Amino acid sequence: MQKEYKVYVLRDVQTEKIVYAGLTRMTLQRRFHSHKVRFKDKPKFQIELVTDFLSREEAVELEKLLIKQYNLLEEGYNKSPGSINGSSNYHSEEQKKKWSEERKGKPVSAEHAEKNRKARLGHKNPPDREYFQKSVMCLNDGKTFPSARAAARHYGLSYSKISLVCNGKRLATKGLRFVFVEKQ
């Protein structure tokens, strides 16, 4: 397991109080920039590294401890009691209601509304699978197939290995070289 998480705090420059605790895999400078965008109308902050080279689980536990220790749900800008699996997906019902109220009545462009409508309908697959298939050619004998699966059946190979060869991630599979070809 790689230990690549950092735990940091934001400190209010004027009051010297810690107002936010978080974890990240980004550089602190990049993470701080995203906070500046989010807190643009708030007081000035400075970012401070608490510790780094933590596993995700260690970072999550330390973040929760800092949020609780400094009471950042009540007196700070944290909106959840901590991260779950490295991302904050737990929010109180109170917070969800607040966000819902903030979004109500905001105008949405016709394009955005149409995009949302289509997303709610669900994805409809085309009537045939050929829409998704890429034709494949074996460079050893020049035979062309409608898909990597068809080539795999013909040569008795794994279609995923043929795909890896076509995408340049392998040179060959069982001595055979393949490339994607344009459909006519």
N, C-alpha and C. Protein backbone atom coordinates (compact mmCIF):
# COMPACT_ATOMS: atom_id res chain seq x y z
N MET A 1 0.85 -1.17 0.00
CA MET A 1 0.00 0.00 0.00
C MET A 1 0.90 1.24 0.00
N GLN A 2 0.62 2.15 -0.94
CA GLN A 2 1.42 3.37 -1.01
C GLN A 2 0.94 4.38 0.01
N LYS A 3 1.90 5.05 0.62
CA LYS A 3 1.57 6.07 1.61
C LYS A 3 1.81 7.42 0.95
N GLU A 4 0.74 7.97 0.38
CA GLU A 4 0.90 9.20 -0.40
C GLU A 4 -0.07 10.30 0.00
N TYR A 5 -0.78 10.15 1.09
CA TYR A 5 -1.74 11.16 1.51
C TYR A 5 -1.11 12.15 2.47
N LYS A 6 -1.60 13.40 2.40
CA LYS A 6 -1.17 14.46 3.31
C LYS A 6 -2.40 14.91 4.10
N VAL A 7 -2.20 15.26 5.35
CA VAL A 7 -3.25 15.88 6.14
C VAL A 7 -2.80 17.30 6.39
N TYR A 8 -3.73 18.25 6.21
CA TYR A 8 -3.39 19.66 6.34
C TYR A 8 -4.50 20.38 7.07
N VAL A 9 -4.19 21.59 7.50
CA VAL A 9 -5.20 22.46 8.11
C VAL A 9 -5.12 23.82 7.44
N LEU A 10 -6.25 24.54 7.48
CA LEU A 10 -6.27 25.94 7.06
C LEU A 10 -6.40 26.77 8.32
N ARG A 11 -5.57 27.80 8.41
CA ARG A 11 -5.58 28.68 9.57
C ARG A 11 -5.98 30.08 9.12
N ASP A 12 -6.90 30.70 9.84
CA ASP A 12 -7.31 32.08 9.58
C ASP A 12 -6.14 32.98 9.93
N VAL A 13 -5.70 33.80 8.99
CA VAL A 13 -4.52 34.64 9.20
C VAL A 13 -4.75 35.66 10.31
N GLN A 14 -5.96 36.23 10.40
CA GLN A 14 -6.23 37.27 11.40
C GLN A 14 -6.38 36.71 12.81
N THR A 15 -7.17 35.65 12.96
CA THR A 15 -7.45 35.13 14.30
C THR A 15 -6.49 34.04 14.74
N GLU A 16 -5.69 33.51 13.80
CA GLU A 16 -4.76 32.42 14.07
C GLU A 16 -5.46 31.12 14.45
N LYS A 17 -6.78 31.02 14.24
CA LYS A 17 -7.53 29.81 14.57
C LYS A 17 -7.53 28.85 13.38
N ILE A 18 -7.49 27.57 13.68
CA ILE A 18 -7.64 26.55 12.63
C ILE A 18 -9.12 26.51 12.28
N VAL A 19 -9.41 26.61 10.97
CA VAL A 19 -10.80 26.68 10.53
C VAL A 19 -11.20 25.53 9.61
N TYR A 20 -10.23 24.70 9.20
CA TYR A 20 -10.54 23.60 8.30
C TYR A 20 -9.45 22.55 8.40
N ALA A 21 -9.84 21.28 8.33
CA ALA A 21 -8.89 20.17 8.27
C ALA A 21 -9.25 19.31 7.08
N GLY A 22 -8.26 18.84 6.36
CA GLY A 22 -8.53 18.02 5.19
C GLY A 22 -7.39 17.09 4.87
N LEU A 23 -7.62 16.25 3.88
CA LEU A 23 -6.57 15.35 3.39
C LEU A 23 -6.53 15.45 1.88
N THR A 24 -5.38 15.16 1.31
CA THR A 24 -5.23 15.27 -0.13
C THR A 24 -4.07 14.42 -0.61
N ARG A 25 -4.08 14.14 -1.90
CA ARG A 25 -2.93 13.53 -2.56
C ARG A 25 -2.25 14.57 -3.46
N MET A 26 -2.89 15.72 -3.63
CA MET A 26 -2.34 16.81 -4.45
C MET A 26 -1.18 17.48 -3.72
N THR A 27 -0.50 18.37 -4.43
CA THR A 27 0.46 19.21 -3.74
C THR A 27 -0.34 20.19 -2.89
N LEU A 28 0.26 20.68 -1.81
CA LEU A 28 -0.46 21.62 -0.94
C LEU A 28 -0.80 22.90 -1.69
N GLN A 29 0.08 23.34 -2.57
CA GLN A 29 -0.17 24.57 -3.33
C GLN A 29 -1.42 24.41 -4.20
N ARG A 30 -1.53 23.27 -4.88
CA ARG A 30 -2.69 23.04 -5.75
C ARG A 30 -3.97 22.92 -4.92
N ARG A 31 -3.90 22.22 -3.81
CA ARG A 31 -5.08 22.07 -2.95
C ARG A 31 -5.50 23.43 -2.38
N PHE A 32 -4.51 24.24 -1.99
CA PHE A 32 -4.81 25.55 -1.43
C PHE A 32 -5.51 26.42 -2.46
N HIS A 33 -5.10 26.31 -3.72
CA HIS A 33 -5.73 27.09 -4.78
C HIS A 33 -7.22 26.75 -4.88
N SER A 34 -7.57 25.46 -4.78
CA SER A 34 -8.99 25.10 -4.87
C SER A 34 -9.76 25.64 -3.67
N HIS A 35 -9.11 25.74 -2.51
CA HIS A 35 -9.77 26.34 -1.35
C HIS A 35 -9.97 27.84 -1.57
N LYS A 36 -8.98 28.49 -2.19
CA LYS A 36 -9.11 29.94 -2.44
C LYS A 36 -10.32 30.22 -3.32
N VAL A 37 -10.55 29.36 -4.31
CA VAL A 37 -11.69 29.53 -5.20
C VAL A 37 -12.98 29.32 -4.41
N ARG A 38 -13.01 28.30 -3.55
CA ARG A 38 -14.21 27.98 -2.77
C ARG A 38 -14.51 29.04 -1.71
N PHE A 39 -13.47 29.57 -1.07
CA PHE A 39 -13.64 30.51 0.03
C PHE A 39 -13.32 31.94 -0.40
N LYS A 40 -13.63 32.30 -1.65
CA LYS A 40 -13.21 33.60 -2.16
C LYS A 40 -13.75 34.79 -1.38
N ASP A 41 -14.92 34.66 -0.76
CA ASP A 41 -15.49 35.78 -0.01
C ASP A 41 -15.27 35.64 1.49
N LYS A 42 -14.42 34.72 1.89
CA LYS A 42 -14.13 34.48 3.32
C LYS A 42 -12.81 35.16 3.69
N PRO A 43 -12.44 35.13 4.98
CA PRO A 43 -11.17 35.73 5.40
C PRO A 43 -9.97 35.02 4.75
N LYS A 44 -8.81 35.62 4.89
CA LYS A 44 -7.57 35.05 4.33
C LYS A 44 -7.13 33.87 5.17
N PHE A 45 -6.62 32.84 4.47
CA PHE A 45 -6.15 31.63 5.12
C PHE A 45 -4.71 31.34 4.74
N GLN A 46 -4.09 30.51 5.54
CA GLN A 46 -2.80 29.93 5.16
C GLN A 46 -2.93 28.43 5.37
N ILE A 47 -2.25 27.68 4.52
CA ILE A 47 -2.33 26.22 4.61
C ILE A 47 -1.10 25.72 5.35
N GLU A 48 -1.30 24.71 6.21
CA GLU A 48 -0.20 24.14 6.98
C GLU A 48 -0.27 22.63 6.90
N LEU A 49 0.85 22.04 6.60
CA LEU A 49 0.94 20.58 6.55
C LEU A 49 1.00 20.04 7.97
N VAL A 50 0.13 19.09 8.28
CA VAL A 50 0.18 18.43 9.58
C VAL A 50 1.16 17.27 9.48
N THR A 51 0.95 16.41 8.49
CA THR A 51 1.87 15.30 8.23
C THR A 51 1.60 14.75 6.84
N ASP A 52 2.56 14.03 6.30
CA ASP A 52 2.36 13.41 5.00
C ASP A 52 2.90 11.99 5.01
N PHE A 53 2.89 11.36 3.86
CA PHE A 53 3.29 9.96 3.69
C PHE A 53 2.43 9.04 4.55
N LEU A 54 1.12 9.25 4.48
CA LEU A 54 0.17 8.43 5.21
C LEU A 54 -0.61 7.56 4.23
N SER A 55 -1.06 6.41 4.70
CA SER A 55 -1.99 5.62 3.90
C SER A 55 -3.34 6.33 3.94
N ARG A 56 -4.24 5.94 3.06
CA ARG A 56 -5.56 6.57 3.02
C ARG A 56 -6.27 6.42 4.37
N GLU A 57 -6.19 5.21 4.93
CA GLU A 57 -6.88 4.95 6.20
C GLU A 57 -6.31 5.81 7.33
N GLU A 58 -4.97 5.93 7.38
CA GLU A 58 -4.34 6.76 8.42
C GLU A 58 -4.74 8.22 8.27
N ALA A 59 -4.75 8.70 7.03
CA ALA A 59 -5.11 10.10 6.76
C ALA A 59 -6.56 10.38 7.14
N VAL A 60 -7.46 9.45 6.82
CA VAL A 60 -8.88 9.62 7.15
C VAL A 60 -9.06 9.72 8.66
N GLU A 61 -8.39 8.85 9.41
CA GLU A 61 -8.51 8.86 10.87
C GLU A 61 -7.96 10.15 11.47
N LEU A 62 -6.80 10.60 10.96
CA LEU A 62 -6.22 11.84 11.49
C LEU A 62 -7.10 13.04 11.16
N GLU A 63 -7.66 13.08 9.97
CA GLU A 63 -8.56 14.18 9.59
C GLU A 63 -9.77 14.21 10.52
N LYS A 64 -10.39 13.06 10.77
CA LYS A 64 -11.55 12.99 11.67
C LYS A 64 -11.17 13.50 13.07
N LEU A 65 -9.99 13.10 13.54
CA LEU A 65 -9.53 13.52 14.86
C LEU A 65 -9.37 15.03 14.93
N LEU A 66 -8.78 15.63 13.89
CA LEU A 66 -8.59 17.09 13.87
C LEU A 66 -9.92 17.83 13.80
N ILE A 67 -10.85 17.33 13.00
CA ILE A 67 -12.17 17.96 12.90
C ILE A 67 -12.86 17.96 14.26
N LYS A 68 -12.75 16.83 14.94
CA LYS A 68 -13.38 16.73 16.26
C LYS A 68 -12.64 17.59 17.29
N GLN A 69 -11.31 17.53 17.28
CA GLN A 69 -10.49 18.26 18.25
C GLN A 69 -10.73 19.76 18.18
N TYR A 70 -10.81 20.31 16.97
CA TYR A 70 -10.98 21.75 16.80
C TYR A 70 -12.45 22.14 16.58
N ASN A 71 -13.38 21.19 16.70
CA ASN A 71 -14.81 21.43 16.53
C ASN A 71 -15.09 22.18 15.22
N LEU A 72 -14.54 21.66 14.12
CA LEU A 72 -14.61 22.36 12.85
C LEU A 72 -15.95 22.24 12.14
N LEU A 73 -16.81 21.33 12.60
CA LEU A 73 -18.16 21.28 12.03
C LEU A 73 -18.98 22.46 12.52
N GLU A 74 -18.77 22.86 13.77
CA GLU A 74 -19.51 23.96 14.38
C GLU A 74 -18.80 25.31 14.18
N GLU A 75 -17.49 25.32 14.40
CA GLU A 75 -16.75 26.58 14.42
C GLU A 75 -15.84 26.77 13.22
N GLY A 76 -15.86 25.83 12.29
CA GLY A 76 -14.99 25.93 11.13
C GLY A 76 -15.77 25.76 9.84
N TYR A 77 -15.06 25.41 8.78
CA TYR A 77 -15.68 25.29 7.46
C TYR A 77 -15.86 23.84 7.00
N ASN A 78 -15.51 22.86 7.82
CA ASN A 78 -15.75 21.47 7.45
C ASN A 78 -17.26 21.22 7.45
N LYS A 79 -17.72 20.48 6.43
CA LYS A 79 -19.15 20.22 6.30
C LYS A 79 -19.50 18.78 6.61
N SER A 80 -18.50 17.94 6.81
CA SER A 80 -18.75 16.56 7.20
C SER A 80 -17.74 16.17 8.26
N PRO A 81 -18.06 15.16 9.06
CA PRO A 81 -17.18 14.79 10.17
C PRO A 81 -15.90 14.09 9.73
N GLY A 82 -15.69 13.94 8.45
CA GLY A 82 -14.45 13.34 7.96
C GLY A 82 -14.69 12.65 6.64
N SER A 83 -13.59 12.24 6.04
CA SER A 83 -13.65 11.57 4.76
C SER A 83 -13.96 10.10 4.94
N ILE A 84 -14.56 9.53 3.93
CA ILE A 84 -14.76 8.09 3.89
C ILE A 84 -14.07 7.62 2.62
N ASN A 85 -13.09 6.77 2.78
CA ASN A 85 -12.29 6.27 1.65
C ASN A 85 -11.61 7.41 0.89
N GLY A 86 -11.21 8.45 1.58
CA GLY A 86 -10.45 9.52 0.95
C GLY A 86 -11.28 10.59 0.29
N SER A 87 -12.61 10.47 0.32
CA SER A 87 -13.43 11.55 -0.22
C SER A 87 -14.59 11.77 0.72
N SER A 88 -15.01 12.99 0.79
CA SER A 88 -16.04 13.34 1.76
C SER A 88 -17.41 13.07 1.17
N ASN A 89 -17.97 11.91 1.46
CA ASN A 89 -19.28 11.60 0.92
C ASN A 89 -20.32 11.41 2.02
N TYR A 90 -20.00 11.79 3.25
CA TYR A 90 -20.98 11.78 4.32
C TYR A 90 -21.33 13.23 4.62
N HIS A 91 -22.58 13.56 4.52
CA HIS A 91 -23.02 14.90 4.87
C HIS A 91 -24.30 14.77 5.68
N SER A 92 -24.46 15.65 6.63
CA SER A 92 -25.65 15.60 7.46
C SER A 92 -26.88 15.98 6.63
N GLU A 93 -28.03 15.55 7.10
CA GLU A 93 -29.27 15.90 6.41
C GLU A 93 -29.46 17.41 6.39
N GLU A 94 -29.02 18.04 7.45
CA GLU A 94 -29.09 19.50 7.56
C GLU A 94 -28.29 20.16 6.43
N GLN A 95 -27.06 19.65 6.19
CA GLN A 95 -26.21 20.20 5.15
C GLN A 95 -26.81 19.96 3.77
N LYS A 96 -27.33 18.76 3.54
CA LYS A 96 -27.94 18.45 2.25
C LYS A 96 -29.12 19.38 1.97
N LYS A 97 -29.92 19.64 3.00
CA LYS A 97 -31.08 20.52 2.85
C LYS A 97 -30.62 21.94 2.51
N LYS A 98 -29.57 22.39 3.17
CA LYS A 98 -29.03 23.73 2.92
C LYS A 98 -28.58 23.86 1.46
N TRP A 99 -27.83 22.87 0.97
CA TRP A 99 -27.37 22.90 -0.42
C TRP A 99 -28.55 22.86 -1.38
N SER A 100 -29.55 22.06 -1.06
CA SER A 100 -30.73 21.97 -1.91
C SER A 100 -31.42 23.33 -2.02
N GLU A 101 -31.57 24.01 -0.88
CA GLU A 101 -32.21 25.33 -0.86
C GLU A 101 -31.39 26.34 -1.67
N GLU A 102 -30.07 26.26 -1.58
CA GLU A 102 -29.21 27.19 -2.33
C GLU A 102 -29.39 27.02 -3.83
N ARG A 103 -29.63 25.77 -4.29
CA ARG A 103 -29.76 25.51 -5.73
C ARG A 103 -31.14 25.81 -6.27
N LYS A 104 -32.15 25.82 -5.42
CA LYS A 104 -33.52 26.03 -5.88
C LYS A 104 -33.69 27.41 -6.49
N GLY A 105 -34.37 27.45 -7.62
CA GLY A 105 -34.67 28.72 -8.26
C GLY A 105 -33.54 29.28 -9.10
N LYS A 106 -32.36 28.63 -9.10
CA LYS A 106 -31.28 29.13 -9.94
C LYS A 106 -31.56 28.74 -11.38
N PRO A 107 -31.41 29.68 -12.30
CA PRO A 107 -31.70 29.36 -13.70
C PRO A 107 -30.68 28.37 -14.26
N VAL A 108 -31.17 27.48 -15.10
CA VAL A 108 -30.33 26.49 -15.76
C VAL A 108 -30.50 26.68 -17.25
N SER A 109 -29.40 26.66 -17.99
CA SER A 109 -29.49 26.84 -19.44
C SER A 109 -30.27 25.69 -20.06
N ALA A 110 -30.85 25.94 -21.21
CA ALA A 110 -31.62 24.91 -21.91
C ALA A 110 -30.73 23.72 -22.24
N GLU A 111 -29.50 24.01 -22.61
CA GLU A 111 -28.54 22.94 -22.95
C GLU A 111 -28.27 22.06 -21.73
N HIS A 112 -28.07 22.70 -20.57
CA HIS A 112 -27.80 21.97 -19.33
C HIS A 112 -29.03 21.16 -18.91
N ALA A 113 -30.21 21.74 -19.06
CA ALA A 113 -31.45 21.04 -18.71
C ALA A 113 -31.63 19.81 -19.59
N GLU A 114 -31.34 19.93 -20.88
CA GLU A 114 -31.45 18.80 -21.80
C GLU A 114 -30.45 17.70 -21.43
N LYS A 115 -29.24 18.11 -21.08
CA LYS A 115 -28.21 17.15 -20.67
C LYS A 115 -28.66 16.39 -19.42
N ASN A 116 -29.23 17.10 -18.45
CA ASN A 116 -29.73 16.46 -17.23
C ASN A 116 -30.89 15.51 -17.55
N ARG A 117 -31.78 15.93 -18.45
CA ARG A 117 -32.91 15.09 -18.82
C ARG A 117 -32.44 13.78 -19.42
N LYS A 118 -31.46 13.86 -20.32
CA LYS A 118 -30.93 12.65 -20.95
C LYS A 118 -30.25 11.75 -19.93
N ALA A 119 -29.55 12.34 -18.99
CA ALA A 119 -28.87 11.55 -17.96
C ALA A 119 -29.88 10.79 -17.10
N ARG A 120 -31.01 11.41 -16.84
CA ARG A 120 -32.04 10.75 -16.03
C ARG A 120 -32.73 9.63 -16.79
N LEU A 121 -32.77 9.73 -18.11
CA LEU A 121 -33.42 8.69 -18.90
C LEU A 121 -32.64 7.39 -18.87
N GLY A 122 -31.36 7.47 -18.67
CA GLY A 122 -30.53 6.27 -18.71
C GLY A 122 -29.94 6.08 -20.08
N HIS A 123 -28.94 5.28 -20.15
CA HIS A 123 -28.22 5.04 -21.41
C HIS A 123 -28.92 3.96 -22.21
N LYS A 124 -29.22 4.26 -23.44
CA LYS A 124 -29.81 3.28 -24.34
C LYS A 124 -28.72 2.78 -25.28
N ASN A 125 -28.52 1.49 -25.32
CA ASN A 125 -27.53 0.92 -26.23
C ASN A 125 -28.05 0.95 -27.66
N PRO A 126 -27.17 1.12 -28.61
CA PRO A 126 -27.59 1.03 -30.01
C PRO A 126 -28.13 -0.38 -30.29
N PRO A 127 -28.90 -0.54 -31.34
CA PRO A 127 -29.51 -1.84 -31.60
C PRO A 127 -28.49 -2.96 -31.85
N ASP A 128 -27.28 -2.63 -32.29
CA ASP A 128 -26.30 -3.68 -32.53
C ASP A 128 -24.95 -3.34 -31.90
N ARG A 129 -24.17 -4.35 -31.63
CA ARG A 129 -22.87 -4.16 -30.98
C ARG A 129 -21.83 -3.60 -31.93
N GLU A 130 -22.07 -3.71 -33.24
CA GLU A 130 -21.08 -3.25 -34.21
C GLU A 130 -20.75 -1.78 -34.05
N TYR A 131 -21.67 -1.03 -33.47
CA TYR A 131 -21.45 0.40 -33.25
C TYR A 131 -20.18 0.63 -32.41
N PHE A 132 -19.94 -0.25 -31.44
CA PHE A 132 -18.82 -0.07 -30.53
C PHE A 132 -17.53 -0.75 -31.01
N GLN A 133 -17.65 -1.70 -31.92
CA GLN A 133 -16.50 -2.51 -32.30
C GLN A 133 -15.53 -1.74 -33.18
N LYS A 134 -14.24 -2.06 -32.97
CA LYS A 134 -13.19 -1.53 -33.83
C LYS A 134 -12.62 -2.70 -34.63
N SER A 135 -12.48 -2.50 -35.91
CA SER A 135 -11.90 -3.55 -36.75
C SER A 135 -10.43 -3.73 -36.41
N VAL A 136 -9.97 -4.98 -36.51
CA VAL A 136 -8.61 -5.34 -36.14
C VAL A 136 -7.97 -6.10 -37.30
N MET A 137 -6.68 -5.81 -37.56
CA MET A 137 -5.96 -6.54 -38.60
C MET A 137 -4.73 -7.19 -37.99
N CYS A 138 -4.51 -8.45 -38.36
CA CYS A 138 -3.30 -9.16 -37.93
C CYS A 138 -2.21 -8.82 -38.93
N LEU A 139 -1.10 -8.26 -38.45
CA LEU A 139 -0.02 -7.86 -39.34
C LEU A 139 0.77 -9.06 -39.86
N ASN A 140 0.69 -10.19 -39.17
CA ASN A 140 1.45 -11.37 -39.59
C ASN A 140 0.89 -11.98 -40.88
N ASP A 141 -0.43 -12.05 -41.01
CA ASP A 141 -1.02 -12.67 -42.20
C ASP A 141 -1.96 -11.74 -42.98
N GLY A 142 -2.19 -10.51 -42.48
CA GLY A 142 -3.00 -9.53 -43.19
C GLY A 142 -4.50 -9.73 -43.08
N LYS A 143 -4.95 -10.69 -42.27
CA LYS A 143 -6.40 -10.92 -42.12
C LYS A 143 -7.01 -9.81 -41.27
N THR A 144 -8.21 -9.38 -41.68
CA THR A 144 -8.94 -8.34 -40.97
C THR A 144 -10.18 -8.94 -40.33
N PHE A 145 -10.48 -8.48 -39.11
CA PHE A 145 -11.62 -8.98 -38.35
C PHE A 145 -12.47 -7.80 -37.89
N PRO A 146 -13.78 -7.99 -37.71
CA PRO A 146 -14.64 -6.88 -37.30
C PRO A 146 -14.38 -6.42 -35.86
N SER A 147 -13.72 -7.26 -35.06
CA SER A 147 -13.46 -6.88 -33.67
C SER A 147 -12.31 -7.70 -33.11
N ALA A 148 -11.81 -7.27 -31.96
CA ALA A 148 -10.75 -8.01 -31.27
C ALA A 148 -11.29 -9.37 -30.82
N ARG A 149 -12.57 -9.44 -30.46
CA ARG A 149 -13.17 -10.72 -30.04
C ARG A 149 -13.18 -11.72 -31.19
N ALA A 150 -13.53 -11.24 -32.39
CA ALA A 150 -13.55 -12.14 -33.55
C ALA A 150 -12.15 -12.65 -33.86
N ALA A 151 -11.15 -11.77 -33.78
CA ALA A 151 -9.76 -12.17 -34.01
C ALA A 151 -9.32 -13.17 -32.94
N ALA A 152 -9.72 -12.91 -31.71
CA ALA A 152 -9.34 -13.81 -30.61
C ALA A 152 -9.93 -15.20 -30.83
N ARG A 153 -11.19 -15.27 -31.27
CA ARG A 153 -11.81 -16.58 -31.54
C ARG A 153 -11.06 -17.31 -32.66
N HIS A 154 -10.69 -16.56 -33.71
CA HIS A 154 -10.02 -17.17 -34.86
C HIS A 154 -8.65 -17.75 -34.47
N TYR A 155 -7.87 -17.00 -33.67
CA TYR A 155 -6.51 -17.42 -33.32
C TYR A 155 -6.42 -18.16 -31.98
N GLY A 156 -7.53 -18.24 -31.26
CA GLY A 156 -7.51 -18.90 -29.95
C GLY A 156 -6.75 -18.09 -28.92
N LEU A 157 -6.94 -16.76 -28.93
CA LEU A 157 -6.23 -15.86 -28.03
C LEU A 157 -7.21 -15.14 -27.12
N SER A 158 -6.67 -14.34 -26.22
CA SER A 158 -7.48 -13.49 -25.36
C SER A 158 -7.71 -12.16 -26.07
N TYR A 159 -8.98 -11.75 -26.18
CA TYR A 159 -9.26 -10.49 -26.88
C TYR A 159 -8.64 -9.29 -26.16
N SER A 160 -8.51 -9.38 -24.83
CA SER A 160 -7.93 -8.25 -24.10
C SER A 160 -6.45 -8.07 -24.46
N LYS A 161 -5.75 -9.19 -24.71
CA LYS A 161 -4.34 -9.10 -25.11
C LYS A 161 -4.23 -8.48 -26.51
N ILE A 162 -5.16 -8.83 -27.39
CA ILE A 162 -5.16 -8.25 -28.74
C ILE A 162 -5.41 -6.74 -28.63
N SER A 163 -6.32 -6.35 -27.76
CA SER A 163 -6.60 -4.93 -27.56
C SER A 163 -5.37 -4.20 -27.03
N LEU A 164 -4.66 -4.83 -26.10
CA LEU A 164 -3.43 -4.22 -25.56
C LEU A 164 -2.39 -4.02 -26.66
N VAL A 165 -2.27 -5.00 -27.57
CA VAL A 165 -1.34 -4.88 -28.68
C VAL A 165 -1.76 -3.71 -29.58
N CYS A 166 -3.05 -3.66 -29.91
CA CYS A 166 -3.55 -2.58 -30.78
C CYS A 166 -3.36 -1.20 -30.15
N ASN A 167 -3.46 -1.12 -28.84
CA ASN A 167 -3.28 0.16 -28.15
C ASN A 167 -1.83 0.48 -27.84
N GLY A 168 -0.90 -0.37 -28.28
CA GLY A 168 0.52 -0.10 -28.10
C GLY A 168 1.05 -0.41 -26.71
N LYS A 169 0.30 -1.17 -25.92
CA LYS A 169 0.75 -1.49 -24.57
C LYS A 169 1.48 -2.82 -24.51
N ARG A 170 1.40 -3.58 -25.59
CA ARG A 170 2.16 -4.83 -25.77
C ARG A 170 2.66 -4.83 -27.20
N LEU A 171 3.78 -5.50 -27.43
CA LEU A 171 4.30 -5.60 -28.79
C LEU A 171 3.56 -6.67 -29.58
N ALA A 172 3.27 -7.80 -28.93
CA ALA A 172 2.62 -8.91 -29.60
C ALA A 172 1.97 -9.81 -28.57
N THR A 173 1.13 -10.70 -29.04
CA THR A 173 0.59 -11.74 -28.18
C THR A 173 0.72 -13.06 -28.92
N LYS A 174 1.40 -14.03 -28.30
CA LYS A 174 1.69 -15.34 -28.92
C LYS A 174 2.35 -15.16 -30.28
N GLY A 175 3.21 -14.12 -30.39
CA GLY A 175 3.94 -13.88 -31.63
C GLY A 175 3.16 -13.14 -32.70
N LEU A 176 1.91 -12.83 -32.46
CA LEU A 176 1.08 -12.14 -33.46
C LEU A 176 0.96 -10.66 -33.11
N ARG A 177 1.05 -9.83 -34.17
CA ARG A 177 0.92 -8.38 -33.97
C ARG A 177 -0.37 -7.92 -34.62
N PHE A 178 -1.07 -6.99 -33.94
CA PHE A 178 -2.36 -6.51 -34.41
C PHE A 178 -2.39 -4.99 -34.41
N VAL A 179 -3.26 -4.42 -35.27
CA VAL A 179 -3.52 -2.98 -35.28
C VAL A 179 -5.00 -2.75 -35.52
N PHE A 180 -5.51 -1.62 -35.01
CA PHE A 180 -6.87 -1.23 -35.33
C PHE A 180 -6.89 -0.69 -36.75
N VAL A 181 -7.95 -0.94 -37.47
CA VAL A 181 -8.08 -0.40 -38.83
C VAL A 181 -9.42 0.32 -38.92
N GLU A 182 -9.47 1.32 -39.80
CA GLU A 182 -10.70 2.08 -40.00
C GLU A 182 -11.73 1.25 -40.72
N LYS A 183 -13.00 1.39 -40.31
CA LYS A 183 -14.09 0.68 -41.00
C LYS A 183 -14.40 1.39 -42.30
N GLN A 184 -14.74 0.60 -43.32
CA GLN A 184 -15.09 1.18 -44.60
C GLN A 184 -16.57 1.47 -44.65
